Amino acid sequence: ELDELAPKKEELEEELKMMLIPKDPNDSKNVILEI
């Protein structure tokens, strides 16, 4: 069980770190695209 769970713990920690990065407040906005 330890051998199976230890790598999963590291993966989840990396995912959580990414999720905790402050989000750009504009990310959910629509856009005006100019070319």
PDB file of all heavy atoms in Angstrom:
ATOM      1  N   GLU A   1       0.832  -1.201   0.000  1.00  0.00           N
ATOM      2  CA  GLU A   1       0.000   0.000   0.000  1.00  0.00           C
ATOM      3  C   GLU A   1       0.872   1.258   0.000  1.00  0.00           C
ATOM      4  O   GLU A   1       0.582   2.230  -0.706  1.00  0.00           O
ATOM      5  CB  GLU A   1      -0.933  -0.003   1.213  1.00  0.00           C
ATOM      6  CG  GLU A   1      -1.986   1.092   1.138  1.00  0.00           C
ATOM      7  CD  GLU A   1      -3.060   0.979   2.201  1.00  0.00           C
ATOM      8  OE1 GLU A   1      -2.862   0.242   3.186  1.00  0.00           O
ATOM      9  OE2 GLU A   1      -4.089   1.648   2.056  1.00  0.00           O
ATOM     10  N   LEU A   2       1.955   1.224   0.782  1.00  0.00           N
ATOM     11  CA  LEU A   2       2.871   2.368   0.820  1.00  0.00           C
ATOM     12  C   LEU A   2       3.501   2.617  -0.543  1.00  0.00           C
ATOM     13  O   LEU A   2       3.608   3.764  -0.994  1.00  0.00           O
ATOM     14  CB  LEU A   2       3.972   2.140   1.859  1.00  0.00           C
ATOM     15  CG  LEU A   2       3.628   2.435   3.315  1.00  0.00           C
ATOM     16  CD1 LEU A   2       4.770   1.987   4.231  1.00  0.00           C
ATOM     17  CD2 LEU A   2       3.368   3.933   3.513  1.00  0.00           C
ATOM     18  N   ASP A   3       3.944   1.535  -1.193  1.00  0.00           N
ATOM     19  CA  ASP A   3       4.564   1.652  -2.515  1.00  0.00           C
ATOM     20  C   ASP A   3       3.595   2.229  -3.548  1.00  0.00           C
ATOM     21  O   ASP A   3       3.993   2.944  -4.473  1.00  0.00           O
ATOM     22  CB  ASP A   3       5.056   0.282  -2.999  1.00  0.00           C
ATOM     23  CG  ASP A   3       6.264  -0.207  -2.207  1.00  0.00           C
ATOM     24  OD1 ASP A   3       6.901   0.640  -1.541  1.00  0.00           O
ATOM     25  OD2 ASP A   3       6.551  -1.412  -2.235  1.00  0.00           O
ATOM     26  N   GLU A   4       2.303   1.918  -3.388  1.00  0.00           N
ATOM     27  CA  GLU A   4       1.290   2.384  -4.333  1.00  0.00           C
ATOM     28  C   GLU A   4       0.880   3.838  -4.054  1.00  0.00           C
ATOM     29  O   GLU A   4       0.693   4.633  -4.972  1.00  0.00           O
ATOM     30  CB  GLU A   4       0.053   1.482  -4.246  1.00  0.00           C
ATOM     31  CG  GLU A   4      -1.027   1.841  -5.235  1.00  0.00           C
ATOM     32  CD  GLU A   4      -2.290   1.003  -5.063  1.00  0.00           C
ATOM     33  OE1 GLU A   4      -2.229  -0.071  -4.441  1.00  0.00           O
ATOM     34  OE2 GLU A   4      -3.345   1.457  -5.547  1.00  0.00           O
ATOM     35  N   LEU A   5       0.761   4.172  -2.756  1.00  0.00           N
ATOM     36  CA  LEU A   5       0.236   5.486  -2.384  1.00  0.00           C
ATOM     37  C   LEU A   5       1.270   6.619  -2.411  1.00  0.00           C
ATOM     38  O   LEU A   5       0.918   7.772  -2.675  1.00  0.00           O
ATOM     39  CB  LEU A   5      -0.407   5.429  -0.994  1.00  0.00           C
ATOM     40  CG  LEU A   5      -1.661   4.556  -0.846  1.00  0.00           C
ATOM     41  CD1 LEU A   5      -2.165   4.602   0.580  1.00  0.00           C
ATOM     42  CD2 LEU A   5      -2.757   4.999  -1.807  1.00  0.00           C
ATOM     43  N   ALA A   6       2.541   6.302  -2.131  1.00  0.00           N
ATOM     44  CA  ALA A   6       3.570   7.349  -2.058  1.00  0.00           C
ATOM     45  C   ALA A   6       3.684   8.159  -3.364  1.00  0.00           C
ATOM     46  O   ALA A   6       3.694   9.405  -3.324  1.00  0.00           O
ATOM     47  CB  ALA A   6       4.916   6.739  -1.680  1.00  0.00           C
ATOM     48  N   PRO A   7       3.759   7.501  -4.551  1.00  0.00           N
ATOM     49  CA  PRO A   7       3.831   8.289  -5.803  1.00  0.00           C
ATOM     50  C   PRO A   7       2.558   9.114  -6.044  1.00  0.00           C
ATOM     51  O   PRO A   7       2.632  10.224  -6.558  1.00  0.00           O
ATOM     52  CB  PRO A   7       3.992   7.218  -6.896  1.00  0.00           C
ATOM     53  CG  PRO A   7       4.441   5.984  -6.199  1.00  0.00           C
ATOM     54  CD  PRO A   7       3.831   6.060  -4.831  1.00  0.00           C
ATOM     55  N   LYS A   8       1.403   8.553  -5.655  1.00  0.00           N
ATOM     56  CA  LYS A   8       0.139   9.273  -5.836  1.00  0.00           C
ATOM     57  C   LYS A   8       0.119  10.534  -4.982  1.00  0.00           C
ATOM     58  O   LYS A   8      -0.430  11.562  -5.384  1.00  0.00           O
ATOM     59  CB  LYS A   8      -1.047   8.373  -5.472  1.00  0.00           C
ATOM     60  CG  LYS A   8      -1.362   7.314  -6.509  1.00  0.00           C
ATOM     61  CD  LYS A   8      -2.612   6.538  -6.141  1.00  0.00           C
ATOM     62  CE  LYS A   8      -2.926   5.483  -7.206  1.00  0.00           C
ATOM     63  NZ  LYS A   8      -4.111   4.673  -6.833  1.00  0.00           N
ATOM     64  N   LYS A   9       0.717  10.449  -3.784  1.00  0.00           N
ATOM     65  CA  LYS A   9       0.771  11.614  -2.899  1.00  0.00           C
ATOM     66  C   LYS A   9       1.557  12.744  -3.560  1.00  0.00           C
ATOM     67  O   LYS A   9       1.142  13.911  -3.539  1.00  0.00           O
ATOM     68  CB  LYS A   9       1.420  11.230  -1.569  1.00  0.00           C
ATOM     69  CG  LYS A   9       1.555  12.388  -0.572  1.00  0.00           C
ATOM     70  CD  LYS A   9       2.066  11.876   0.773  1.00  0.00           C
ATOM     71  CE  LYS A   9       2.246  13.023   1.762  1.00  0.00           C
ATOM     72  NZ  LYS A   9       3.472  13.791   1.541  1.00  0.00           N
ATOM     73  N   GLU A  10       2.695  12.402  -4.177  1.00  0.00           N
ATOM     74  CA  GLU A  10       3.513  13.405  -4.863  1.00  0.00           C
ATOM     75  C   GLU A  10       2.752  14.038  -6.032  1.00  0.00           C
ATOM     76  O   GLU A  10       2.816  15.253  -6.243  1.00  0.00           O
ATOM     77  CB  GLU A  10       4.818  12.771  -5.368  1.00  0.00           C
ATOM     78  CG  GLU A  10       5.796  12.426  -4.241  1.00  0.00           C
ATOM     79  CD  GLU A  10       7.091  11.845  -4.780  1.00  0.00           C
ATOM     80  OE1 GLU A  10       7.322  11.966  -6.003  1.00  0.00           O
ATOM     81  OE2 GLU A  10       7.853  11.281  -3.977  1.00  0.00           O
ATOM     82  N   GLU A  11       2.027  13.198  -6.784  1.00  0.00           N
ATOM     83  CA  GLU A  11       1.245  13.701  -7.924  1.00  0.00           C
ATOM     84  C   GLU A  11       0.174  14.685  -7.454  1.00  0.00           C
ATOM     85  O   GLU A  11       0.001  15.758  -8.041  1.00  0.00           O
ATOM     86  CB  GLU A  11       0.561  12.535  -8.652  1.00  0.00           C
ATOM     87  CG  GLU A  11       1.502  11.714  -9.520  1.00  0.00           C
ATOM     88  CD  GLU A  11       0.784  10.517 -10.144  1.00  0.00           C
ATOM     89  OE1 GLU A  11      -0.456  10.570 -10.288  1.00  0.00           O
ATOM     90  OE2 GLU A  11       1.465   9.524 -10.471  1.00  0.00           O
ATOM     91  N   LEU A  12      -0.535  14.304  -6.379  1.00  0.00           N
ATOM     92  CA  LEU A  12      -1.597  15.168  -5.861  1.00  0.00           C
ATOM     93  C   LEU A  12      -1.040  16.482  -5.316  1.00  0.00           C
ATOM     94  O   LEU A  12      -1.652  17.541  -5.468  1.00  0.00           O
ATOM     95  CB  LEU A  12      -2.389  14.440  -4.768  1.00  0.00           C
ATOM     96  CG  LEU A  12      -3.434  13.434  -5.251  1.00  0.00           C
ATOM     97  CD1 LEU A  12      -4.035  12.681  -4.067  1.00  0.00           C
ATOM     98  CD2 LEU A  12      -4.545  14.128  -6.034  1.00  0.00           C
ATOM     99  N   GLU A  13       0.130  16.410  -4.691  1.00  0.00           N
ATOM    100  CA  GLU A  13       0.759  17.631  -4.172  1.00  0.00           C
ATOM    101  C   GLU A  13       1.095  18.597  -5.301  1.00  0.00           C
ATOM    102  O   GLU A  13       0.902  19.813  -5.171  1.00  0.00           O
ATOM    103  CB  GLU A  13       2.014  17.282  -3.368  1.00  0.00           C
ATOM    104  CG  GLU A  13       1.703  16.758  -1.981  1.00  0.00           C
ATOM    105  CD  GLU A  13       2.935  16.274  -1.227  1.00  0.00           C
ATOM    106  OE1 GLU A  13       3.996  16.098  -1.875  1.00  0.00           O
ATOM    107  OE2 GLU A  13       2.835  16.071  -0.013  1.00  0.00           O
ATOM    108  N   GLU A  14       1.597  18.054  -6.424  1.00  0.00           N
ATOM    109  CA  GLU A  14       1.918  18.899  -7.583  1.00  0.00           C
ATOM    110  C   GLU A  14       0.649  19.530  -8.168  1.00  0.00           C
ATOM    111  O   GLU A  14       0.634  20.706  -8.531  1.00  0.00           O
ATOM    112  CB  GLU A  14       2.635  18.086  -8.666  1.00  0.00           C
ATOM    113  CG  GLU A  14       4.088  17.779  -8.347  1.00  0.00           C
ATOM    114  CD  GLU A  14       4.911  19.033  -8.068  1.00  0.00           C
ATOM    115  OE1 GLU A  14       4.853  19.966  -8.898  1.00  0.00           O
ATOM    116  OE2 GLU A  14       5.573  19.087  -7.026  1.00  0.00           O
ATOM    117  N   GLU A  15      -0.416  18.720  -8.242  1.00  0.00           N
ATOM    118  CA  GLU A  15      -1.685  19.229  -8.767  1.00  0.00           C
ATOM    119  C   GLU A  15      -2.224  20.348  -7.882  1.00  0.00           C
ATOM    120  O   GLU A  15      -2.721  21.370  -8.365  1.00  0.00           O
ATOM    121  CB  GLU A  15      -2.710  18.096  -8.866  1.00  0.00           C
ATOM    122  CG  GLU A  15      -2.446  17.133 -10.011  1.00  0.00           C
ATOM    123  CD  GLU A  15      -3.486  16.033 -10.087  1.00  0.00           C
ATOM    124  OE1 GLU A  15      -4.691  16.340  -9.997  1.00  0.00           O
ATOM    125  OE2 GLU A  15      -3.106  14.855 -10.223  1.00  0.00           O
ATOM    126  N   LEU A  16      -2.139  20.149  -6.567  1.00  0.00           N
ATOM    127  CA  LEU A  16      -2.640  21.155  -5.631  1.00  0.00           C
ATOM    128  C   LEU A  16      -1.806  22.439  -5.691  1.00  0.00           C
ATOM    129  O   LEU A  16      -2.350  23.541  -5.592  1.00  0.00           O
ATOM    130  CB  LEU A  16      -2.646  20.596  -4.205  1.00  0.00           C
ATOM    131  CG  LEU A  16      -3.787  19.609  -3.900  1.00  0.00           C
ATOM    132  CD1 LEU A  16      -3.527  18.861  -2.598  1.00  0.00           C
ATOM    133  CD2 LEU A  16      -5.132  20.327  -3.834  1.00  0.00           C
ATOM    134  N   LYS A  17      -0.494  22.296  -5.873  1.00  0.00           N
ATOM    135  CA  LYS A  17       0.369  23.485  -6.014  1.00  0.00           C
ATOM    136  C   LYS A  17      -0.074  24.317  -7.211  1.00  0.00           C
ATOM    137  O   LYS A  17      -0.142  25.543  -7.141  1.00  0.00           O
ATOM    138  CB  LYS A  17       1.836  23.060  -6.198  1.00  0.00           C
ATOM    139  CG  LYS A  17       2.554  22.702  -4.907  1.00  0.00           C
ATOM    140  CD  LYS A  17       3.984  22.310  -5.210  1.00  0.00           C
ATOM    141  CE  LYS A  17       4.680  21.716  -3.987  1.00  0.00           C
ATOM    142  NZ  LYS A  17       6.025  21.213  -4.329  1.00  0.00           N
ATOM    143  N   MET A  18      -0.351  23.625  -8.321  1.00  0.00           N
ATOM    144  CA  MET A  18      -0.804  24.317  -9.532  1.00  0.00           C
ATOM    145  C   MET A  18      -2.139  25.017  -9.295  1.00  0.00           C
ATOM    146  O   MET A  18      -2.379  26.130  -9.759  1.00  0.00           O
ATOM    147  CB  MET A  18      -0.944  23.332 -10.705  1.00  0.00           C
ATOM    148  CG  MET A  18       0.374  22.845 -11.253  1.00  0.00           C
ATOM    149  SD  MET A  18       1.314  24.196 -12.009  1.00  0.00           S
ATOM    150  CE  MET A  18       2.822  23.354 -12.464  1.00  0.00           C
ATOM    151  N   MET A  19      -3.024  24.346  -8.566  1.00  0.00           N
ATOM    152  CA  MET A  19      -4.347  24.902  -8.306  1.00  0.00           C
ATOM    153  C   MET A  19      -4.279  26.125  -7.388  1.00  0.00           C
ATOM    154  O   MET A  19      -5.178  26.975  -7.393  1.00  0.00           O
ATOM    155  CB  MET A  19      -5.264  23.842  -7.691  1.00  0.00           C
ATOM    156  CG  MET A  19      -5.625  22.719  -8.633  1.00  0.00           C
ATOM    157  SD  MET A  19      -6.631  21.452  -7.848  1.00  0.00           S
ATOM    158  CE  MET A  19      -8.206  21.727  -8.635  1.00  0.00           C
ATOM    159  N   LEU A  20      -3.209  26.219  -6.598  1.00  0.00           N
ATOM    160  CA  LEU A  20      -3.063  27.325  -5.659  1.00  0.00           C
ATOM    161  C   LEU A  20      -2.381  28.558  -6.265  1.00  0.00           C
ATOM    162  O   LEU A  20      -2.303  29.595  -5.629  1.00  0.00           O
ATOM    163  CB  LEU A  20      -2.268  26.871  -4.421  1.00  0.00           C
ATOM    164  CG  LEU A  20      -3.019  25.952  -3.449  1.00  0.00           C
ATOM    165  CD1 LEU A  20      -2.089  25.485  -2.334  1.00  0.00           C
ATOM    166  CD2 LEU A  20      -4.235  26.636  -2.865  1.00  0.00           C
ATOM    167  N   ILE A  21      -1.884  28.412  -7.502  1.00  0.00           N
ATOM    168  CA  ILE A  21      -1.287  29.572  -8.173  1.00  0.00           C
ATOM    169  C   ILE A  21      -2.380  30.623  -8.348  1.00  0.00           C
ATOM    170  O   ILE A  21      -3.473  30.315  -8.834  1.00  0.00           O
ATOM    171  CB  ILE A  21      -0.714  29.181  -9.550  1.00  0.00           C
ATOM    172  CG1 ILE A  21       0.489  28.248  -9.375  1.00  0.00           C
ATOM    173  CG2 ILE A  21      -0.295  30.416 -10.331  1.00  0.00           C
ATOM    174  CD1 ILE A  21       0.998  27.667 -10.670  1.00  0.00           C
ATOM    175  N   PRO A  22      -2.116  31.873  -7.956  1.00  0.00           N
ATOM    176  CA  PRO A  22      -3.144  32.916  -8.090  1.00  0.00           C
ATOM    177  C   PRO A  22      -3.656  33.016  -9.516  1.00  0.00           C
ATOM    178  O   PRO A  22      -2.873  33.117 -10.460  1.00  0.00           O
ATOM    179  CB  PRO A  22      -2.398  34.203  -7.684  1.00  0.00           C
ATOM    180  CG  PRO A  22      -1.283  33.731  -6.822  1.00  0.00           C
ATOM    181  CD  PRO A  22      -0.872  32.388  -7.357  1.00  0.00           C
ATOM    182  N   LYS A  23      -4.950  32.944  -9.678  1.00  0.00           N
ATOM    183  CA  LYS A  23      -5.553  32.987 -11.006  1.00  0.00           C
ATOM    184  C   LYS A  23      -5.601  34.419 -11.542  1.00  0.00           C
ATOM    185  O   LYS A  23      -5.789  35.366 -10.791  1.00  0.00           O
ATOM    186  CB  LYS A  23      -6.971  32.410 -10.950  1.00  0.00           C
ATOM    187  CG  LYS A  23      -6.984  30.883 -10.934  1.00  0.00           C
ATOM    188  CD  LYS A  23      -8.386  30.372 -11.158  1.00  0.00           C
ATOM    189  CE  LYS A  23      -8.427  28.883 -11.487  1.00  0.00           C
ATOM    190  NZ  LYS A  23      -7.485  28.050 -10.820  1.00  0.00           N
ATOM    191  N   ASP A  24      -5.421  34.523 -12.854  1.00  0.00           N
ATOM    192  CA  ASP A  24      -5.598  35.809 -13.520  1.00  0.00           C
ATOM    193  C   ASP A  24      -7.085  36.148 -13.438  1.00  0.00           C
ATOM    194  O   ASP A  24      -7.926  35.383 -13.931  1.00  0.00           O
ATOM    195  CB  ASP A  24      -5.157  35.674 -14.989  1.00  0.00           C
ATOM    196  CG  ASP A  24      -5.199  36.986 -15.747  1.00  0.00           C
ATOM    197  OD1 ASP A  24      -6.002  37.861 -15.365  1.00  0.00           O
ATOM    198  OD2 ASP A  24      -4.442  37.123 -16.725  1.00  0.00           O
ATOM    199  N   PRO A  25      -7.444  37.274 -12.831  1.00  0.00           N
ATOM    200  CA  PRO A  25      -8.867  37.608 -12.684  1.00  0.00           C
ATOM    201  C   PRO A  25      -9.600  37.776 -14.012  1.00  0.00           C
ATOM    202  O   PRO A  25     -10.827  37.751 -14.062  1.00  0.00           O
ATOM    203  CB  PRO A  25      -8.845  38.923 -11.894  1.00  0.00           C
ATOM    204  CG  PRO A  25      -7.481  39.483 -12.094  1.00  0.00           C
ATOM    205  CD  PRO A  25      -6.568  38.308 -12.247  1.00  0.00           C
ATOM    206  N   ASN A  26      -8.824  37.927 -15.096  1.00  0.00           N
ATOM    207  CA  ASN A  26      -9.451  38.102 -16.410  1.00  0.00           C
ATOM    208  C   ASN A  26      -9.711  36.785 -17.138  1.00  0.00           C
ATOM    209  O   ASN A  26     -10.344  36.779 -18.195  1.00  0.00           O
ATOM    210  CB  ASN A  26      -8.572  38.989 -17.300  1.00  0.00           C
ATOM    211  CG  ASN A  26      -8.538  40.421 -16.830  1.00  0.00           C
ATOM    212  OD1 ASN A  26      -9.571  41.003 -16.551  1.00  0.00           O
ATOM    213  ND2 ASN A  26      -7.341  40.981 -16.713  1.00  0.00           N
ATOM    214  N   ASP A  27      -9.197  35.669 -16.590  1.00  0.00           N
ATOM    215  CA  ASP A  27      -9.252  34.395 -17.307  1.00  0.00           C
ATOM    216  C   ASP A  27     -10.654  33.979 -17.750  1.00  0.00           C
ATOM    217  O   ASP A  27     -10.819  33.355 -18.790  1.00  0.00           O
ATOM    218  CB  ASP A  27      -8.626  33.273 -16.467  1.00  0.00           C
ATOM    219  CG  ASP A  27      -7.111  33.224 -16.622  1.00  0.00           C
ATOM    220  OD1 ASP A  27      -6.581  33.991 -17.448  1.00  0.00           O
ATOM    221  OD2 ASP A  27      -6.457  32.427 -15.917  1.00  0.00           O
ATOM    222  N   SER A  28     -11.655  34.288 -16.954  1.00  0.00           N
ATOM    223  CA  SER A  28     -13.010  33.845 -17.290  1.00  0.00           C
ATOM    224  C   SER A  28     -13.740  34.812 -18.214  1.00  0.00           C
ATOM    225  O   SER A  28     -14.872  34.570 -18.609  1.00  0.00           O
ATOM    226  CB  SER A  28     -13.830  33.656 -16.009  1.00  0.00           C
ATOM    227  OG  SER A  28     -13.915  34.872 -15.294  1.00  0.00           O
ATOM    228  N   LYS A  29     -13.076  35.917 -18.588  1.00  0.00           N
ATOM    229  CA  LYS A  29     -13.736  36.932 -19.413  1.00  0.00           C
ATOM    230  C   LYS A  29     -13.816  36.532 -20.886  1.00  0.00           C
ATOM    231  O   LYS A  29     -12.990  35.756 -21.381  1.00  0.00           O
ATOM    232  CB  LYS A  29     -12.984  38.266 -19.314  1.00  0.00           C
ATOM    233  CG  LYS A  29     -13.132  38.993 -17.975  1.00  0.00           C
ATOM    234  CD  LYS A  29     -12.367  40.308 -18.015  1.00  0.00           C
ATOM    235  CE  LYS A  29     -12.442  41.044 -16.688  1.00  0.00           C
ATOM    236  NZ  LYS A  29     -13.748  41.664 -16.450  1.00  0.00           N
ATOM    237  N   ASN A  30     -14.815  37.092 -21.567  1.00  0.00           N
ATOM    238  CA  ASN A  30     -14.859  37.026 -23.028  1.00  0.00           C
ATOM    239  C   ASN A  30     -13.795  37.985 -23.557  1.00  0.00           C
ATOM    240  O   ASN A  30     -13.224  38.771 -22.792  1.00  0.00           O
ATOM    241  CB  ASN A  30     -16.241  37.440 -23.538  1.00  0.00           C
ATOM    242  CG  ASN A  30     -17.325  36.490 -23.079  1.00  0.00           C
ATOM    243  OD1 ASN A  30     -17.108  35.286 -22.972  1.00  0.00           O
ATOM    244  ND2 ASN A  30     -18.508  37.021 -22.801  1.00  0.00           N
ATOM    245  N   VAL A  31     -13.521  37.934 -24.865  1.00  0.00           N
ATOM    246  CA  VAL A  31     -12.469  38.809 -25.396  1.00  0.00           C
ATOM    247  C   VAL A  31     -12.895  39.540 -26.657  1.00  0.00           C
ATOM    248  O   VAL A  31     -13.813  39.135 -27.364  1.00  0.00           O
ATOM    249  CB  VAL A  31     -11.152  38.035 -25.710  1.00  0.00           C
ATOM    250  CG1 VAL A  31     -10.699  37.200 -24.532  1.00  0.00           C
ATOM    251  CG2 VAL A  31     -11.292  37.180 -26.962  1.00  0.00           C
ATOM    252  N   ILE A  32     -12.195  40.655 -26.906  1.00  0.00           N
ATOM    253  CA  ILE A  32     -12.221  41.335 -28.198  1.00  0.00           C
ATOM    254  C   ILE A  32     -10.913  40.932 -28.874  1.00  0.00           C
ATOM    255  O   ILE A  32      -9.831  41.187 -28.344  1.00  0.00           O
ATOM    256  CB  ILE A  32     -12.277  42.869 -28.051  1.00  0.00           C
ATOM    257  CG1 ILE A  32     -13.464  43.300 -27.180  1.00  0.00           C
ATOM    258  CG2 ILE A  32     -12.318  43.524 -29.428  1.00  0.00           C
ATOM    259  CD1 ILE A  32     -14.819  43.016 -27.743  1.00  0.00           C
ATOM    260  N   LEU A  33     -11.009  40.259 -30.013  1.00  0.00           N
ATOM    261  CA  LEU A  33      -9.830  39.776 -30.746  1.00  0.00           C
ATOM    262  C   LEU A  33      -9.609  40.675 -31.962  1.00  0.00           C
ATOM    263  O   LEU A  33     -10.486  40.789 -32.827  1.00  0.00           O
ATOM    264  CB  LEU A  33     -10.050  38.324 -31.188  1.00  0.00           C
ATOM    265  CG  LEU A  33      -8.961  37.674 -32.039  1.00  0.00           C
ATOM    266  CD1 LEU A  33      -7.698  37.435 -31.227  1.00  0.00           C
ATOM    267  CD2 LEU A  33      -9.452  36.358 -32.631  1.00  0.00           C
ATOM    268  N   GLU A  34      -8.452  41.326 -31.996  1.00  0.00           N
ATOM    269  CA  GLU A  34      -8.129  42.228 -33.102  1.00  0.00           C
ATOM    270  C   GLU A  34      -6.945  41.671 -33.890  1.00  0.00           C
ATOM    271  O   GLU A  34      -5.912  41.345 -33.315  1.00  0.00           O
ATOM    272  CB  GLU A  34      -7.765  43.619 -32.575  1.00  0.00           C
ATOM    273  CG  GLU A  34      -8.873  44.283 -31.774  1.00  0.00           C
ATOM    274  CD  GLU A  34      -8.486  45.669 -31.274  1.00  0.00           C
ATOM    275  OE1 GLU A  34      -7.286  46.008 -31.326  1.00  0.00           O
ATOM    276  OE2 GLU A  34      -9.377  46.416 -30.839  1.00  0.00           O
ATOM    277  N   ILE A  35      -7.092  41.572 -35.199  1.00  0.00           N
ATOM    278  CA  ILE A  35      -6.009  41.111 -36.070  1.00  0.00           C
ATOM    279  C   ILE A  35      -5.742  42.214 -37.086  1.00  0.00           C
ATOM    280  O   ILE A  35      -6.673  42.663 -37.778  1.00  0.00           O
ATOM    281  CB  ILE A  35      -6.373  39.803 -36.796  1.00  0.00           C
ATOM    282  CG1 ILE A  35      -6.803  38.726 -35.786  1.00  0.00           C
ATOM    283  CG2 ILE A  35      -5.185  39.304 -37.630  1.00  0.00           C
ATOM    284  CD1 ILE A  35      -7.404  37.482 -36.420  1.00  0.00           C
TER     285      ILE A  35
END
